[in-house]
Each structure stands twice: as structure tokens, then as C-alpha cells.
PDB file of N, CA and C in Angstrom:
ATOM      1  N   UNK A   1      23.045   9.905   2.795  1.00  0.00           N
ATOM      2  CA  UNK A   1      21.663   9.157   2.594  1.00  0.00           C
ATOM      3  C   UNK A   1      21.753   8.541   1.266  1.00  0.00           C
ATOM      4  N   UNK A   2      21.423   7.470   1.436  1.00  0.00           N
ATOM      5  CA  UNK A   2      21.329   6.440   0.397  1.00  0.00           C
ATOM      6  C   UNK A   2      20.221   6.545  -0.143  1.00  0.00           C
ATOM      7  N   UNK A   3      20.046   6.500  -1.731  1.00  0.00           N
ATOM      8  CA  UNK A   3      19.021   6.423  -2.344  1.00  0.00           C
ATOM      9  C   UNK A   3      18.017   5.461  -1.737  1.00  0.00           C
ATOM     10  N   UNK A   4      16.479   5.864  -2.351  1.00  0.00           N
ATOM     11  CA  UNK A   4      15.447   4.635  -2.130  1.00  0.00           C
ATOM     12  C   UNK A   4      15.598   3.843  -3.209  1.00  0.00           C
ATOM     13  N   UNK A   5      15.126   2.487  -3.598  1.00  0.00           N
ATOM     14  CA  UNK A   5      15.015   1.904  -4.478  1.00  0.00           C
ATOM     15  C   UNK A   5      13.352   1.965  -4.439  1.00  0.00           C
ATOM     16  N   UNK A   6      13.156   1.820  -5.617  1.00  0.00           N
ATOM     17  CA  UNK A   6      12.093   2.135  -6.274  1.00  0.00           C
ATOM     18  C   UNK A   6      11.163   0.999  -7.129  1.00  0.00           C
ATOM     19  N   UNK A   7       9.746   0.808  -7.051  1.00  0.00           N
ATOM     20  CA  UNK A   7       9.350   0.070  -7.727  1.00  0.00           C
ATOM     21  C   UNK A   7       7.861   0.654  -8.695  1.00  0.00           C
ATOM     22  N   UNK A   8       7.980   0.600  -9.807  1.00  0.00           N
ATOM     23  CA  UNK A   8       6.800   1.360 -10.879  1.00  0.00           C
ATOM     24  C   UNK A   8       5.638   0.458 -10.549  1.00  0.00           C
ATOM     25  N   UNK A   9       4.182   1.178 -10.723  1.00  0.00           N
ATOM     26  CA  UNK A   9       2.977   0.371 -10.849  1.00  0.00           C
ATOM     27  C   UNK A   9       3.104  -0.552 -11.351  1.00  0.00           C
ATOM     28  N   UNK A  10       3.060  -0.465 -12.362  1.00  0.00           N
ATOM     29  CA  UNK A  10       3.523  -1.597 -13.560  1.00  0.00           C
ATOM     30  C   UNK A  10       3.991  -2.844 -13.385  1.00  0.00           C
ATOM     31  N   UNK A  11       5.167  -2.614 -13.084  1.00  0.00           N
ATOM     32  CA  UNK A  11       6.118  -3.873 -12.867  1.00  0.00           C
ATOM     33  C   UNK A  11       5.693  -4.350 -11.443  1.00  0.00           C
ATOM     34  N   UNK A  12       4.824  -3.770 -10.488  1.00  0.00           N
ATOM     35  CA  UNK A  12       4.560  -4.198  -9.336  1.00  0.00           C
ATOM     36  C   UNK A  12       3.143  -5.375  -9.817  1.00  0.00           C
ATOM     37  N   UNK A  13       2.478  -4.527 -10.582  1.00  0.00           N
ATOM     38  CA  UNK A  13       1.391  -5.484 -11.013  1.00  0.00           C
ATOM     39  C   UNK A  13       1.710  -6.632 -11.752  1.00  0.00           C
ATOM     40  N   UNK A  14       2.732  -6.626 -12.452  1.00  0.00           N
ATOM     41  CA  UNK A  14       3.480  -7.572 -13.421  1.00  0.00           C
ATOM     42  C   UNK A  14       3.900  -8.764 -12.157  1.00  0.00           C
ATOM     43  N   UNK A  15       4.553  -8.525 -11.491  1.00  0.00           N
ATOM     44  CA  UNK A  15       4.976  -9.185  -9.961  1.00  0.00           C
ATOM     45  C   UNK A  15       3.687 -10.131  -9.390  1.00  0.00           C
ATOM     46  N   UNK A  16       2.807  -9.477  -9.044  1.00  0.00           N
ATOM     47  CA  UNK A  16       2.111  -9.756  -8.366  1.00  0.00           C
ATOM     48  C   UNK A  16       1.238 -10.762  -9.342  1.00  0.00           C
ATOM     49  N   UNK A  17       0.721 -10.602 -10.441  1.00  0.00           N
ATOM     50  CA  UNK A  17       0.218 -11.335 -11.427  1.00  0.00           C
ATOM     51  C   UNK A  17       1.038 -12.640 -11.336  1.00  0.00           C
ATOM     52  N   UNK A  18       2.269 -12.336 -11.518  1.00  0.00           N
ATOM     53  CA  UNK A  18       3.263 -13.874 -11.608  1.00  0.00           C
ATOM     54  C   UNK A  18       3.073 -14.837 -10.718  1.00  0.00           C
ATOM     55  N   UNK A  19       2.365 -14.122  -9.254  1.00  0.00           N
ATOM     56  CA  UNK A  19       2.376 -15.011  -8.311  1.00  0.00           C
ATOM     57  C   UNK A  19       3.655 -14.727  -7.446  1.00  0.00           C
ATOM     58  N   UNK A  20       4.134 -13.506  -7.445  1.00  0.00           N
ATOM     59  CA  UNK A  20       5.736 -13.475  -6.712  1.00  0.00           C
ATOM     60  C   UNK A  20       5.059 -12.959  -5.328  1.00  0.00           C
ATOM     61  N   UNK A  21       5.239 -13.465  -4.295  1.00  0.00           N
ATOM     62  CA  UNK A  21       5.181 -13.306  -2.603  1.00  0.00           C
ATOM     63  C   UNK A  21       5.868 -11.879  -2.724  1.00  0.00           C
ATOM     64  N   UNK A  22       5.314 -11.060  -2.313  1.00  0.00           N
ATOM     65  CA  UNK A  22       5.795  -9.765  -1.701  1.00  0.00           C
ATOM     66  C   UNK A  22       5.504  -8.708  -0.528  1.00  0.00           C
ATOM     67  N   UNK A  23       5.935  -8.226   0.322  1.00  0.00           N
ATOM     68  CA  UNK A  23       5.537  -7.666   1.246  1.00  0.00           C
ATOM     69  C   UNK A  23       5.312  -6.306   1.248  1.00  0.00           C
ATOM     70  N   UNK A  24       3.971  -5.908   0.806  1.00  0.00           N
ATOM     71  CA  UNK A  24       3.655  -4.860   0.642  1.00  0.00           C
ATOM     72  C   UNK A  24       2.734  -4.189   2.169  1.00  0.00           C
ATOM     73  N   UNK A  25       3.136  -2.887   2.358  1.00  0.00           N
ATOM     74  CA  UNK A  25       2.833  -1.863   3.584  1.00  0.00           C
ATOM     75  C   UNK A  25       2.275  -0.623   2.899  1.00  0.00           C
ATOM     76  N   UNK A  26       0.703  -0.315   3.041  1.00  0.00           N
ATOM     77  CA  UNK A  26      -0.161   0.736   2.893  1.00  0.00           C
ATOM     78  C   UNK A  26       0.267   1.398   3.688  1.00  0.00           C
ATOM     79  N   UNK A  27       0.856   2.671   3.711  1.00  0.00           N
ATOM     80  CA  UNK A  27       0.629   3.722   4.823  1.00  0.00           C
ATOM     81  C   UNK A  27      -0.679   4.894   4.726  1.00  0.00           C
ATOM     82  N   UNK A  28      -1.312   4.581   3.730  1.00  0.00           N
ATOM     83  CA  UNK A  28      -2.265   5.766   3.717  1.00  0.00           C
ATOM     84  C   UNK A  28      -3.222   5.786   5.162  1.00  0.00           C
ATOM     85  N   UNK A  29      -4.113   6.810   5.120  1.00  0.00           N
ATOM     86  CA  UNK A  29      -4.889   7.101   6.526  1.00  0.00           C
ATOM     87  C   UNK A  29      -5.949   5.908   6.425  1.00  0.00           C
ATOM     88  N   UNK A  30      -7.134   5.849   7.541  1.00  0.00           N
ATOM     89  CA  UNK A  30      -7.953   4.685   7.438  1.00  0.00           C
ATOM     90  C   UNK A  30      -8.848   5.336   6.127  1.00  0.00           C
ATOM     91  N   UNK A  31      -9.216   6.257   6.192  1.00  0.00           N
ATOM     92  CA  UNK A  31     -10.077   6.888   5.167  1.00  0.00           C
ATOM     93  C   UNK A  31      -9.523   6.663   3.725  1.00  0.00           C
ATOM     94  N   UNK A  32      -8.378   7.118   3.308  1.00  0.00           N
ATOM     95  CA  UNK A  32      -7.795   6.615   2.223  1.00  0.00           C
ATOM     96  C   UNK A  32      -8.055   4.761   1.821  1.00  0.00           C
ATOM     97  N   UNK A  33      -7.860   4.189   2.641  1.00  0.00           N
ATOM     98  CA  UNK A  33      -7.755   3.208   2.491  1.00  0.00           C
ATOM     99  C   UNK A  33      -8.795   2.222   2.331  1.00  0.00           C
ATOM    100  N   UNK A  34     -10.215   3.179   2.558  1.00  0.00           N
ATOM    101  CA  UNK A  34     -11.585   2.621   2.885  1.00  0.00           C
ATOM    102  C   UNK A  34     -11.810   2.774   1.150  1.00  0.00           C
ATOM    103  N   UNK A  35     -11.268   3.165   0.382  1.00  0.00           N
ATOM    104  CA  UNK A  35     -11.468   3.143  -1.454  1.00  0.00           C
ATOM    105  C   UNK A  35     -10.557   2.317  -1.973  1.00  0.00           C
ATOM    106  N   UNK A  36      -9.811   1.213  -1.288  1.00  0.00           N
ATOM    107  CA  UNK A  36      -9.362   0.484  -1.805  1.00  0.00           C
ATOM    108  C   UNK A  36      -7.806   0.416  -1.648  1.00  0.00           C
ATOM    109  N   UNK A  37      -7.463  -1.345  -1.221  1.00  0.00           N
ATOM    110  CA  UNK A  37      -6.071  -1.440  -1.264  1.00  0.00           C
ATOM    111  C   UNK A  37      -5.741  -2.368  -2.111  1.00  0.00           C
ATOM    112  N   UNK A  38      -3.952  -2.566  -2.582  1.00  0.00           N
ATOM    113  CA  UNK A  38      -3.477  -3.511  -3.005  1.00  0.00           C
ATOM    114  C   UNK A  38      -3.987  -4.940  -2.610  1.00  0.00           C
ATOM    115  N   UNK A  39      -4.470  -5.935  -3.461  1.00  0.00           N
ATOM    116  CA  UNK A  39      -4.540  -7.346  -2.324  1.00  0.00           C
ATOM    117  C   UNK A  39      -3.248  -7.607  -1.780  1.00  0.00           C
ATOM    118  N   UNK A  40      -3.366  -7.885  -0.727  1.00  0.00           N
ATOM    119  CA  UNK A  40      -2.556  -8.777   0.286  1.00  0.00           C
ATOM    120  C   UNK A  40      -1.190  -7.595   0.772  1.00  0.00           C
ATOM    121  N   UNK A  41      -1.686  -6.414   0.840  1.00  0.00           N
ATOM    122  CA  UNK A  41      -1.158  -5.295   1.242  1.00  0.00           C
ATOM    123  C   UNK A  41      -1.562  -4.983   2.644  1.00  0.00           C
ATOM    124  N   UNK A  42      -0.320  -4.542   3.616  1.00  0.00           N
ATOM    125  CA  UNK A  42      -0.926  -4.795   5.003  1.00  0.00           C
ATOM    126  C   UNK A  42      -0.910  -3.112   5.417  1.00  0.00           C
ATOM    127  N   UNK A  43      -1.955  -2.843   5.864  1.00  0.00           N
ATOM    128  CA  UNK A  43      -2.365  -1.414   6.390  1.00  0.00           C
ATOM    129  C   UNK A  43      -1.532  -1.109   7.661  1.00  0.00           C
ATOM    130  N   UNK A  44      -0.428   0.020   7.618  1.00  0.00           N
ATOM    131  CA  UNK A  44       0.024   0.779   8.515  1.00  0.00           C
ATOM    132  C   UNK A  44       0.338   2.045   8.638  1.00  0.00           C
ATOM    133  N   UNK A  45      -0.478   2.878   9.212  1.00  0.00           N
ATOM    134  CA  UNK A  45      -0.418   4.386   8.602  1.00  0.00           C
ATOM    135  C   UNK A  45       0.693   4.766   9.125  1.00  0.00           C
ATOM    136  N   UNK A  46       1.323   5.915   8.556  1.00  0.00           N
ATOM    137  CA  UNK A  46       2.486   6.306   8.248  1.00  0.00           C
ATOM    138  C   UNK A  46       3.240   6.949   9.884  1.00  0.00           C
ATOM    139  N   UNK A  47       2.037   7.407  10.480  1.00  0.00           N
ATOM    140  CA  UNK A  47       2.290   7.821  11.849  1.00  0.00           C
ATOM    141  C   UNK A  47       2.356   6.685  12.665  1.00  0.00           C
ATOM    142  N   UNK A  48       1.958   5.567  12.353  1.00  0.00           N
ATOM    143  CA  UNK A  48       1.968   4.609  13.410  1.00  0.00           C
ATOM    144  C   UNK A  48       3.370   3.567  13.285  1.00  0.00           C
ATOM    145  N   UNK A  49       4.047   3.877  12.184  1.00  0.00           N
ATOM    146  CA  UNK A  49       5.081   2.565  11.567  1.00  0.00           C
ATOM    147  C   UNK A  49       6.400   2.890  12.883  1.00  0.00           C
ATOM    148  N   UNK A  50       6.656   3.791  13.575  1.00  0.00           N
ATOM    149  CA  UNK A  50       7.860   3.702  14.591  1.00  0.00           C
ATOM    150  C   UNK A  50       7.287   2.556  15.846  1.00  0.00           C
ATOM    151  N   UNK A  51       6.198   2.880  15.683  1.00  0.00           N
ATOM    152  CA  UNK A  51       5.386   1.648  16.864  1.00  0.00           C
ATOM    153  C   UNK A  51       5.010   0.294  16.630  1.00  0.00           C
ATOM    154  N   UNK A  52       5.344   0.222  15.302  1.00  0.00           N
ATOM    155  CA  UNK A  52       4.942  -1.154  15.011  1.00  0.00           C
ATOM    156  C   UNK A  52       6.014  -2.037  14.102  1.00  0.00           C
ATOM    157  N   UNK A  53       7.241  -1.312  14.799  1.00  0.00           N
ATOM    158  CA  UNK A  53       8.993  -1.979  13.927  1.00  0.00           C
ATOM    159  C   UNK A  53       8.857  -3.442  14.231  1.00  0.00           C
ATOM    160  N   UNK A  54       8.098  -3.822  15.221  1.00  0.00           N
ATOM    161  CA  UNK A  54       8.091  -5.439  15.409  1.00  0.00           C
ATOM    162  C   UNK A  54       7.545  -6.105  14.432  1.00  0.00           C
ATOM    163  N   UNK A  55       6.739  -5.654  13.366  1.00  0.00           N
ATOM    164  CA  UNK A  55       6.305  -5.994  12.197  1.00  0.00           C
ATOM    165  C   UNK A  55       7.366  -6.504  11.094  1.00  0.00           C
ATOM    166  N   UNK A  56       8.402  -5.290  11.269  1.00  0.00           N
ATOM    167  CA  UNK A  56       9.020  -5.626  10.241  1.00  0.00           C
ATOM    168  C   UNK A  56      10.196  -6.455  10.372  1.00  0.00           C
ATOM    169  N   UNK A  57      10.788  -7.467   9.364  1.00  0.00           N
ATOM    170  CA  UNK A  57      12.046  -8.332   9.854  1.00  0.00           C
ATOM    171  C   UNK A  57      12.959  -7.728   8.987  1.00  0.00           C
ATOM    172  N   UNK A  58      14.310  -7.805   9.041  1.00  0.00           N
ATOM    173  CA  UNK A  58      15.233  -6.966   8.288  1.00  0.00           C
ATOM    174  C   UNK A  58      15.892  -7.964   7.441  1.00  0.00           C
ATOM    175  N   UNK A  59      15.400  -9.324   7.172  1.00  0.00           N
ATOM    176  CA  UNK A  59      15.734 -10.273   6.337  1.00  0.00           C
ATOM    177  C   UNK A  59      15.002  -9.756   5.178  1.00  0.00           C
ATOM    178  N   UNK A  60      14.076  -9.518   5.037  1.00  0.00           N
ATOM    179  CA  UNK A  60      12.793  -9.222   3.880  1.00  0.00           C
ATOM    180  C   UNK A  60      13.048  -7.697   3.272  1.00  0.00           C
ATOM    181  N   UNK A  61      12.541  -7.694   2.392  1.00  0.00           N
ATOM    182  CA  UNK A  61      12.148  -6.414   1.632  1.00  0.00           C
ATOM    183  C   UNK A  61      10.722  -6.154   1.431  1.00  0.00           C
ATOM    184  N   UNK A  62      10.551  -4.637   2.060  1.00  0.00           N
ATOM    185  CA  UNK A  62       8.916  -4.161   2.159  1.00  0.00           C
ATOM    186  C   UNK A  62       9.145  -3.205   1.058  1.00  0.00           C
ATOM    187  N   UNK A  63       7.743  -3.280   0.211  1.00  0.00           N
ATOM    188  CA  UNK A  63       7.412  -2.284  -0.721  1.00  0.00           C
ATOM    189  C   UNK A  63       6.434  -1.322  -0.158  1.00  0.00           C
ATOM    190  N   UNK A  64       6.240  -0.092  -0.223  1.00  0.00           N
ATOM    191  CA  UNK A  64       5.591   1.074   0.799  1.00  0.00           C
ATOM    192  C   UNK A  64       4.672   1.642  -0.072  1.00  0.00           C
ATOM    193  N   UNK A  65       3.099   1.788   0.108  1.00  0.00           N
ATOM    194  CA  UNK A  65       2.262   2.200  -0.559  1.00  0.00           C
ATOM    195  C   UNK A  65       1.850   3.533  -0.132  1.00  0.00           C
ATOM    196  N   UNK A  66       1.325   4.957  -0.852  1.00  0.00           N
ATOM    197  CA  UNK A  66       0.498   5.467  -0.246  1.00  0.00           C
ATOM    198  C   UNK A  66      -0.221   6.533  -1.439  1.00  0.00           C
ATOM    199  N   UNK A  67      -0.851   7.553  -1.309  1.00  0.00           N
ATOM    200  CA  UNK A  67      -1.823   7.668  -2.201  1.00  0.00           C
ATOM    201  C   UNK A  67      -0.614   7.928  -3.531  1.00  0.00           C
ATOM    202  N   UNK A  68       0.585   8.916  -3.484  1.00  0.00           N
ATOM    203  CA  UNK A  68       1.012   9.484  -4.493  1.00  0.00           C
ATOM    204  C   UNK A  68       2.664   9.060  -4.749  1.00  0.00           C
ATOM    205  N   UNK A  69       3.357   8.450  -3.448  1.00  0.00           N
ATOM    206  CA  UNK A  69       4.543   8.122  -3.417  1.00  0.00           C
ATOM    207  C   UNK A  69       5.378   9.024  -2.724  1.00  0.00           C
ATOM    208  N   UNK A  70       4.454   9.841  -2.127  1.00  0.00           N
ATOM    209  CA  UNK A  70       5.672  10.811  -0.965  1.00  0.00           C
ATOM    210  C   UNK A  70       5.652  10.303   0.363  1.00  0.00           C
ATOM    211  N   UNK A  71       4.459  10.031   0.616  1.00  0.00           N
ATOM    212  CA  UNK A  71       4.658   9.592   2.268  1.00  0.00           C
ATOM    213  C   UNK A  71       5.618   8.109   2.163  1.00  0.00           C
ATOM    214  N   UNK A  72       5.235   7.495   1.487  1.00  0.00           N
ATOM    215  CA  UNK A  72       5.529   6.248   1.530  1.00  0.00           C
ATOM    216  C   UNK A  72       7.175   6.340   1.120  1.00  0.00           C
ATOM    217  N   UNK A  73       7.647   7.422   0.565  1.00  0.00           N
ATOM    218  CA  UNK A  73       8.945   7.551   0.083  1.00  0.00           C
ATOM    219  C   UNK A  73       9.774   7.941   1.894  1.00  0.00           C
ATOM    220  N   UNK A  74       8.822   8.962   2.437  1.00  0.00           N
ATOM    221  CA  UNK A  74       9.501   9.394   3.885  1.00  0.00           C
ATOM    222  C   UNK A  74       9.596   8.337   4.491  1.00  0.00           C
ATOM    223  N   UNK A  75       8.827   7.236   4.463  1.00  0.00           N
ATOM    224  CA  UNK A  75       8.920   6.249   5.196  1.00  0.00           C
ATOM    225  C   UNK A  75       9.938   5.009   5.389  1.00  0.00           C
ATOM    226  N   UNK A  76      10.122   5.284   4.023  1.00  0.00           N
ATOM    227  CA  UNK A  76      11.427   4.399   3.100  1.00  0.00           C
ATOM    228  C   UNK A  76      12.575   4.970   3.630  1.00  0.00           C
ATOM    229  N   UNK A  77      12.882   6.027   4.222  1.00  0.00           N
ATOM    230  CA  UNK A  77      14.054   6.643   4.233  1.00  0.00           C
ATOM    231  C   UNK A  77      13.959   6.671   5.877  1.00  0.00           C
ATOM    232  N   UNK A  78      13.139   6.758   6.201  1.00  0.00           N
ATOM    233  CA  UNK A  78      13.207   6.591   8.579  1.00  0.00           C
ATOM    234  C   UNK A  78      13.612   4.617   7.972  1.00  0.00           C
ATOM    235  N   UNK A  79      12.778   3.677   7.337  1.00  0.00           N
ATOM    236  CA  UNK A  79      13.137   2.651   7.618  1.00  0.00           C
ATOM    237  C   UNK A  79      14.569   2.028   7.580  1.00  0.00           C
ATOM    238  N   UNK A  80      15.047   2.513   6.041  1.00  0.00           N
ATOM    239  CA  UNK A  80      16.065   2.134   5.621  1.00  0.00           C
ATOM    240  C   UNK A  80      17.204   2.729   6.510  1.00  0.00           C
ATOM    241  N   UNK A  81      17.173   3.823   7.155  1.00  0.00           N
ATOM    242  CA  UNK A  81      18.336   4.267   8.315  1.00  0.00           C
ATOM    243  C   UNK A  81      18.103   3.523   9.262  1.00  0.00           C
ATOM    244  N   UNK A  82      17.008   2.579   9.786  1.00  0.00           N
ATOM    245  CA  UNK A  82      16.738   1.880  10.847  1.00  0.00           C
ATOM    246  C   UNK A  82      17.353   0.368  10.314  1.00  0.00           C
ATOM    247  N   UNK A  83      17.876   0.341   9.002  1.00  0.00           N
ATOM    248  CA  UNK A  83      18.512  -1.010   8.774  1.00  0.00           C
ATOM    249  C   UNK A  83      17.385  -2.168   8.037  1.00  0.00           C
ATOM    250  N   UNK A  84      16.507  -1.426   7.952  1.00  0.00           N
ATOM    251  CA  UNK A  84      15.556  -2.290   6.977  1.00  0.00           C
ATOM    252  C   UNK A  84      15.857  -2.185   5.569  1.00  0.00           C
ATOM    253  N   UNK A  85      15.403  -3.492   4.620  1.00  0.00           N
ATOM    254  CA  UNK A  85      14.937  -3.128   3.125  1.00  0.00           C
ATOM    255  C   UNK A  85      13.801  -2.471   2.525  1.00  0.00           C
ATOM    256  N   UNK A  86      13.876  -1.696   1.813  1.00  0.00           N
ATOM    257  CA  UNK A  86      12.661  -1.037   1.568  1.00  0.00           C
ATOM    258  C   UNK A  86      12.365  -0.865   0.021  1.00  0.00           C
ATOM    259  N   UNK A  87      11.408  -0.684  -0.460  1.00  0.00           N
ATOM    260  CA  UNK A  87      11.414  -0.294  -1.640  1.00  0.00           C
ATOM    261  C   UNK A  87      10.012   0.906  -2.152  1.00  0.00           C
ATOM    262  N   UNK A  88      10.136   1.870  -2.373  1.00  0.00           N
ATOM    263  CA  UNK A  88       8.999   2.800  -2.812  1.00  0.00           C
ATOM    264  C   UNK A  88       8.502   2.558  -4.019  1.00  0.00           C
ATOM    265  N   UNK A  89       7.067   2.562  -3.830  1.00  0.00           N
ATOM    266  CA  UNK A  89       5.946   2.428  -5.283  1.00  0.00           C
ATOM    267  C   UNK A  89       5.523   3.824  -5.684  1.00  0.00           C
ATOM    268  N   UNK A  90       6.440   4.405  -6.408  1.00  0.00           N
ATOM    269  CA  UNK A  90       6.572   5.850  -7.190  1.00  0.00           C
ATOM    270  C   UNK A  90       5.042   5.851  -7.594  1.00  0.00           C
ATOM    271  N   UNK A  91       4.301   6.819  -7.737  1.00  0.00           N
ATOM    272  CA  UNK A  91       3.254   6.913  -8.243  1.00  0.00           C
ATOM    273  C   UNK A  91       1.858   7.222  -7.491  1.00  0.00           C
ATOM    274  N   UNK A  92       2.605   5.783  -6.129  1.00  0.00           N
ATOM    275  CA  UNK A  92       1.241   5.401  -5.527  1.00  0.00           C
ATOM    276  C   UNK A  92       0.038   5.260  -6.138  1.00  0.00           C
ATOM    277  N   UNK A  93      -1.188   5.052  -5.378  1.00  0.00           N
ATOM    278  CA  UNK A  93      -2.312   4.701  -5.784  1.00  0.00           C
ATOM    279  C   UNK A  93      -3.000   5.185  -6.896  1.00  0.00           C
ATOM    280  N   UNK A  94      -2.335   6.768  -6.988  1.00  0.00           N
ATOM    281  CA  UNK A  94      -2.795   7.656  -7.924  1.00  0.00           C
ATOM    282  C   UNK A  94      -2.568   6.594  -9.243  1.00  0.00           C
ATOM    283  N   UNK A  95      -1.683   6.080  -9.456  1.00  0.00           N
ATOM    284  CA  UNK A  95      -1.242   5.551 -10.722  1.00  0.00           C
ATOM    285  C   UNK A  95      -1.365   3.986 -10.856  1.00  0.00           C
ATOM    286  N   UNK A  96      -1.802   3.398  -9.803  1.00  0.00           N
ATOM    287  CA  UNK A  96      -2.210   1.901  -9.452  1.00  0.00           C
ATOM    288  C   UNK A  96      -3.211   1.573 -10.721  1.00  0.00           C
ATOM    289  N   UNK A  97      -3.179   0.885 -11.526  1.00  0.00           N
ATOM    290  CA  UNK A  97      -4.255   0.661 -12.282  1.00  0.00           C
ATOM    291  C   UNK A  97      -5.026  -0.800 -11.934  1.00  0.00           C
ATOM    292  N   UNK A  98      -4.370  -1.718 -11.489  1.00  0.00           N
ATOM    293  CA  UNK A  98      -4.226  -2.996 -11.035  1.00  0.00           C
ATOM    294  C   UNK A  98      -5.873  -3.493  -9.859  1.00  0.00           C
ATOM    295  N   UNK A  99      -6.188  -4.098  -9.544  1.00  0.00           N
ATOM    296  CA  UNK A  99      -7.317  -4.453  -8.569  1.00  0.00           C
ATOM    297  C   UNK A  99      -7.211  -3.940  -7.337  1.00  0.00           C
ATOM    298  N   UNK A 100      -7.785  -3.767  -6.673  1.00  0.00           N
ATOM    299  CA  UNK A 100      -8.152  -3.343  -5.088  1.00  0.00           C
ATOM    300  C   UNK A 100      -9.251  -4.428  -4.541  1.00  0.00           C
ATOM    301  N   UNK A 101      -9.136  -4.107  -3.241  1.00  0.00           N
ATOM    302  CA  UNK A 101     -10.018  -5.015  -2.185  1.00  0.00           C
ATOM    303  C   UNK A 101     -10.265  -4.088  -0.983  1.00  0.00           C
TER     304      UNK A 101
END
């Protein structure tokens, strides 16, 4: 199993501030995202990822987000095995200091 690429919250915040167009996917539960999501992130709950594969494009890279980085890491392994380009935001929303919506 190949290692999963990662991105820190600080690096992600700088990329977003610089205007980079990134594909962000928040895999937390509904009640978790009610407390705020990173602007521009798409909400697809972890357990519904397999039924939402049509959303993903194998030519794009997706950054996955959860509360701490554990669930998003599991999603990354699953999707990487399916042939998708993925990156996990380590530390999750617990370490996110940027804006939320």
C-alpha cells in the first residue's frame, strides 16, 4: 500500500489565501459540519463516499478533511486504491485556524 500524500493546515490555508483552486472534501458527519467548514469544501460523509464515486474525477487531486485527520486518511486509502489522486489534511479541523463558513 502506497503512503498517502498529506498537507498541513498551515500550508492549505496559505494555498487558499493565494487563490489556488483546490478540490476540498469534508467527510465529517452532518452535525460536525454545522460548526463550520472550510470555505469551498464539498461535504460528503465518509460512509457515503462509495456511493458518490461519480463526483470524483481521476484527473484531479482531492484534499480530504475530517475532525482530526483519521477518517479522512481512511477515505484517502480507499480512494487511492480506486485510482484517485488524494491528499489528507493532517490534524483535521482540530488544527484548522483559518476561516470557516
